[in-house]
Amino acid sequence: MKKSRHSEHEIVKAVNQLDSGLSADVICREYGISRATLYNWRSKYSGMDSSHIKRLKELEEENRRLKQMYADLALDNKILKDVIEKKL
């Protein structure tokens, strides 16, 4: 997973500033991000604090690893079935 240039604290702060009514352009200039990034953060992290975001990222990483493990096992299973069919 790509490492963000911005910490969880900065993301929460930016989203809270946007929710409090500060202009999106001002926030984008302050953090060096695009409006799209800011609104993506808002849709994904609105209502969270730093600890929630950190936990979310940990769970996303765990989910990615589990999906990879499943894909590897499914591939191994397919290879073994192909080998068994060729022997019969």
C-alpha atoms as a PDB file:
ATOM      1  CA  MET A   1       0.000   0.000   0.000  1.00  0.00           C
ATOM      2  CA  LYS A   2       1.248   3.447  -0.862  1.00  0.00           C
ATOM      3  CA  LYS A   3       2.480   5.459   2.111  1.00  0.00           C
ATOM      4  CA  SER A   4       0.746   8.798   2.472  1.00  0.00           C
ATOM      5  CA  ARG A   5       2.765  11.993   2.729  1.00  0.00           C
ATOM      6  CA  HIS A   6       0.305  13.175   5.329  1.00  0.00           C
ATOM      7  CA  SER A   7      -0.152  11.780   8.809  1.00  0.00           C
ATOM      8  CA  GLU A   8      -3.487  10.671  10.192  1.00  0.00           C
ATOM      9  CA  HIS A   9      -3.508  13.770  12.359  1.00  0.00           C
ATOM     10  CA  GLU A  10      -3.108  16.063   9.333  1.00  0.00           C
ATOM     11  CA  ILE A  11      -5.876  14.277   7.441  1.00  0.00           C
ATOM     12  CA  VAL A  12      -8.288  14.601  10.376  1.00  0.00           C
ATOM     13  CA  LYS A  13      -7.353  18.255  10.812  1.00  0.00           C
ATOM     14  CA  ALA A  14      -7.951  19.016   7.120  1.00  0.00           C
ATOM     15  CA  VAL A  15     -11.333  17.244   7.087  1.00  0.00           C
ATOM     16  CA  ASN A  16     -12.398  19.023  10.287  1.00  0.00           C
ATOM     17  CA  GLN A  17     -11.380  22.379   8.833  1.00  0.00           C
ATOM     18  CA  LEU A  18     -13.460  21.672   5.730  1.00  0.00           C
ATOM     19  CA  ASP A  19     -16.437  20.642   7.860  1.00  0.00           C
ATOM     20  CA  SER A  20     -16.123  23.810   9.957  1.00  0.00           C
ATOM     21  CA  GLY A  21     -16.562  25.958   6.858  1.00  0.00           C
ATOM     22  CA  LEU A  22     -13.022  26.872   5.873  1.00  0.00           C
ATOM     23  CA  SER A  23     -12.591  27.218   2.114  1.00  0.00           C
ATOM     24  CA  ALA A  24     -11.400  24.097   0.296  1.00  0.00           C
ATOM     25  CA  ASP A  25      -8.923  26.183  -1.694  1.00  0.00           C
ATOM     26  CA  VAL A  26      -7.269  27.459   1.475  1.00  0.00           C
ATOM     27  CA  ILE A  27      -6.993  23.951   2.925  1.00  0.00           C
ATOM     28  CA  CYS A  28      -5.610  22.560  -0.332  1.00  0.00           C
ATOM     29  CA  ARG A  29      -2.912  25.217  -0.472  1.00  0.00           C
ATOM     30  CA  GLU A  30      -1.994  24.666   3.173  1.00  0.00           C
ATOM     31  CA  TYR A  31      -1.507  20.901   2.764  1.00  0.00           C
ATOM     32  CA  GLY A  32      -0.340  20.883  -0.854  1.00  0.00           C
ATOM     33  CA  ILE A  33      -3.147  18.630  -2.066  1.00  0.00           C
ATOM     34  CA  SER A  34      -5.777  18.788  -4.783  1.00  0.00           C
ATOM     35  CA  ARG A  35      -9.458  19.419  -4.179  1.00  0.00           C
ATOM     36  CA  ALA A  36     -10.165  15.849  -5.287  1.00  0.00           C
ATOM     37  CA  THR A  37      -7.834  14.506  -2.611  1.00  0.00           C
ATOM     38  CA  LEU A  38      -9.473  16.665   0.030  1.00  0.00           C
ATOM     39  CA  TYR A  39     -12.964  15.522  -0.919  1.00  0.00           C
ATOM     40  CA  ASN A  40     -11.803  11.891  -1.083  1.00  0.00           C
ATOM     41  CA  TRP A  41     -10.440  12.261   2.442  1.00  0.00           C
ATOM     42  CA  ARG A  42     -13.738  13.795   3.509  1.00  0.00           C
ATOM     43  CA  SER A  43     -15.793  10.940   2.070  1.00  0.00           C
ATOM     44  CA  LYS A  44     -13.507   8.299   3.558  1.00  0.00           C
ATOM     45  CA  TYR A  45     -12.506   9.776   6.923  1.00  0.00           C
ATOM     46  CA  SER A  46     -15.341  12.116   7.914  1.00  0.00           C
ATOM     47  CA  GLY A  47     -16.282  11.644  11.558  1.00  0.00           C
ATOM     48  CA  MET A  48     -13.093   9.755  12.457  1.00  0.00           C
ATOM     49  CA  ASP A  49     -10.211  10.680  14.686  1.00  0.00           C
ATOM     50  CA  SER A  50      -6.551   9.741  14.226  1.00  0.00           C
ATOM     51  CA  SER A  51      -6.812   6.424  16.070  1.00  0.00           C
ATOM     52  CA  HIS A  52      -9.765   5.339  13.922  1.00  0.00           C
ATOM     53  CA  ILE A  53      -7.866   6.140  10.736  1.00  0.00           C
ATOM     54  CA  LYS A  54      -4.796   4.240  11.951  1.00  0.00           C
ATOM     55  CA  ARG A  55      -6.975   1.211  12.774  1.00  0.00           C
ATOM     56  CA  LEU A  56      -8.715   1.452   9.382  1.00  0.00           C
ATOM     57  CA  LYS A  57      -5.353   1.405   7.597  1.00  0.00           C
ATOM     58  CA  GLU A  58      -4.225  -1.608   9.658  1.00  0.00           C
ATOM     59  CA  LEU A  59      -7.416  -3.475   8.761  1.00  0.00           C
ATOM     60  CA  GLU A  60      -7.041  -2.596   5.077  1.00  0.00           C
ATOM     61  CA  GLU A  61      -3.482  -3.950   5.117  1.00  0.00           C
ATOM     62  CA  GLU A  62      -4.604  -7.143   6.864  1.00  0.00           C
ATOM     63  CA  ASN A  63      -7.402  -7.533   4.334  1.00  0.00           C
ATOM     64  CA  ARG A  64      -4.918  -7.124   1.478  1.00  0.00           C
ATOM     65  CA  ARG A  65      -2.650  -9.817   2.949  1.00  0.00           C
ATOM     66  CA  LEU A  66      -5.570 -12.227   3.463  1.00  0.00           C
ATOM     67  CA  LYS A  67      -6.738 -11.723  -0.121  1.00  0.00           C
ATOM     68  CA  GLN A  68      -3.209 -12.461  -1.338  1.00  0.00           C
ATOM     69  CA  MET A  69      -3.041 -15.608   0.797  1.00  0.00           C
ATOM     70  CA  TYR A  70      -6.382 -16.767  -0.612  1.00  0.00           C
ATOM     71  CA  ALA A  71      -5.240 -16.101  -4.184  1.00  0.00           C
ATOM     72  CA  ASP A  72      -2.032 -18.074  -3.601  1.00  0.00           C
ATOM     73  CA  LEU A  73      -3.926 -21.019  -2.091  1.00  0.00           C
ATOM     74  CA  ALA A  74      -6.497 -20.992  -4.894  1.00  0.00           C
ATOM     75  CA  LEU A  75      -3.681 -21.046  -7.455  1.00  0.00           C
ATOM     76  CA  ASP A  76      -1.958 -23.931  -5.646  1.00  0.00           C
ATOM     77  CA  ASN A  77      -5.256 -25.810  -5.560  1.00  0.00           C
ATOM     78  CA  LYS A  78      -5.788 -25.279  -9.295  1.00  0.00           C
ATOM     79  CA  ILE A  79      -2.245 -26.465 -10.078  1.00  0.00           C
ATOM     80  CA  LEU A  80      -2.707 -29.618  -7.966  1.00  0.00           C
ATOM     81  CA  LYS A  81      -6.019 -30.413  -9.684  1.00  0.00           C
ATOM     82  CA  ASP A  82      -4.387 -30.006 -13.085  1.00  0.00           C
ATOM     83  CA  VAL A  83      -1.541 -32.342 -12.071  1.00  0.00           C
ATOM     84  CA  ILE A  84      -3.990 -34.969 -10.787  1.00  0.00           C
ATOM     85  CA  GLU A  85      -6.046 -34.803 -13.995  1.00  0.00           C
ATOM     86  CA  LYS A  86      -2.943 -35.296 -16.126  1.00  0.00           C
ATOM     87  CA  LYS A  87      -1.939 -38.393 -14.158  1.00  0.00           C
ATOM     88  CA  LEU A  88      -5.373 -39.964 -14.609  1.00  0.00           C
END
